[in-house]
Amino acid sequence: MEQDKINAYMTLYTALVTVAKLAAPMIPFMADDIYRNLVCTLDSSAPESVHLCDYPVSDKALIDKELEENMDEVLKVVTIGRACRNASKVKNRQPIGNMYVKAPHKLSDMFVSIVAEELNVKNVIFKDDVSEYTSYSFKPQLRTVGPKYGKFLGGIKNALASLDGNAAMAELRENGVLRLPDVDASIELSEEDLLIELSQAEGFVADGDNTVTVVLDINLDEALIEEGFVNEIVSKLQTMRKEAGFEVMDKIKVSYQANEKVAAIFEKNADAISGQVLCNEITTEKLGGYEKEWNINGEQVALEVKKDC
């Protein structure tokens, strides 16, 4: 296994064993079952019950505040990025070329690679200004603005409609309020007083909050579209492996029936597909194995898998 996978398994193992010990007073039988399955089956010298173990003690030396802060930002960027993907209706298996992020600080390469992998993006680019891709529009929240500034309501509506959206949003983020001195010096509008809409340039999808803005470039070139097709093909073959009852490490043969477009993708990417699905041979001949028809990105494809004994 790759080291990343080993690290993930060991982290999960440590978390599960620790939680079993923590939960033992509340769920004694379930905690003991989890502990015995995870620990006693591997370590004959371990206490034979979770109830014979010492209760876990916090180890402050293992706390890494910088790591936690970076991962908090990764989580925020990924969450907003997923919202952008959902809004764009671009499938998660379809790679995207560029993603632009405006955030309080730039993440290091290690954390950027996590964001890129989570969102299936080739390049994550941190920028101080994403106004070329986005703009904001403002309207008064009548529920709060009416009682406070009722006699200025018409002027507030007109002033908000004529604002430079990006400059106004920058002022709101910096000062916590938006002032409209041309209407009246007393007017200060907080975020709760405003209905804020984020718009984006053609071919881009943006979303954000008060601190982070994410912009996805959803203009796809032929190479990205082809890679998306390959990912979909691999996903369908992996599903068929499972449905056919193959073991994880079983080698297989694959057959396909498709139009010229998809056939060309199979021929060009045969090695990449074979490596991911443990395939020894890709052919257009019938194999007498498990068959299924799929609609892959609008193209009809018949796939067949058979164990290669």
Foldseek 3Di string as FASTA:
>chain_A
DDPVVVVVVVVVLVVLLLVLLQCCVPPVPVSFVSNCVSPCVVDVPDPNGSVVDDRDDDDCVPDDVVVVVLVVVLVQQLVQLVVQCVVVVPDQLQAFEEKEKEFPDDDDPVSQVVSCVSRRYNYYHYDNDPVQWKFKAKAFPCVPCCVVPVVLRVVVRVQRRPDRGVVQLVCCLVPQWGADVVSPRVDTHGPVGIDMDMDTDPQKTWDDDSGMIMITRNDDDPVSVLSSLLSQVLVVLVVVCVVQPHDQQFEKEKAKDFDPVVVVSCVVCVVVSCVSNNYPYYYNDDDPADWDWDQRVNTIMIMGMDGDD
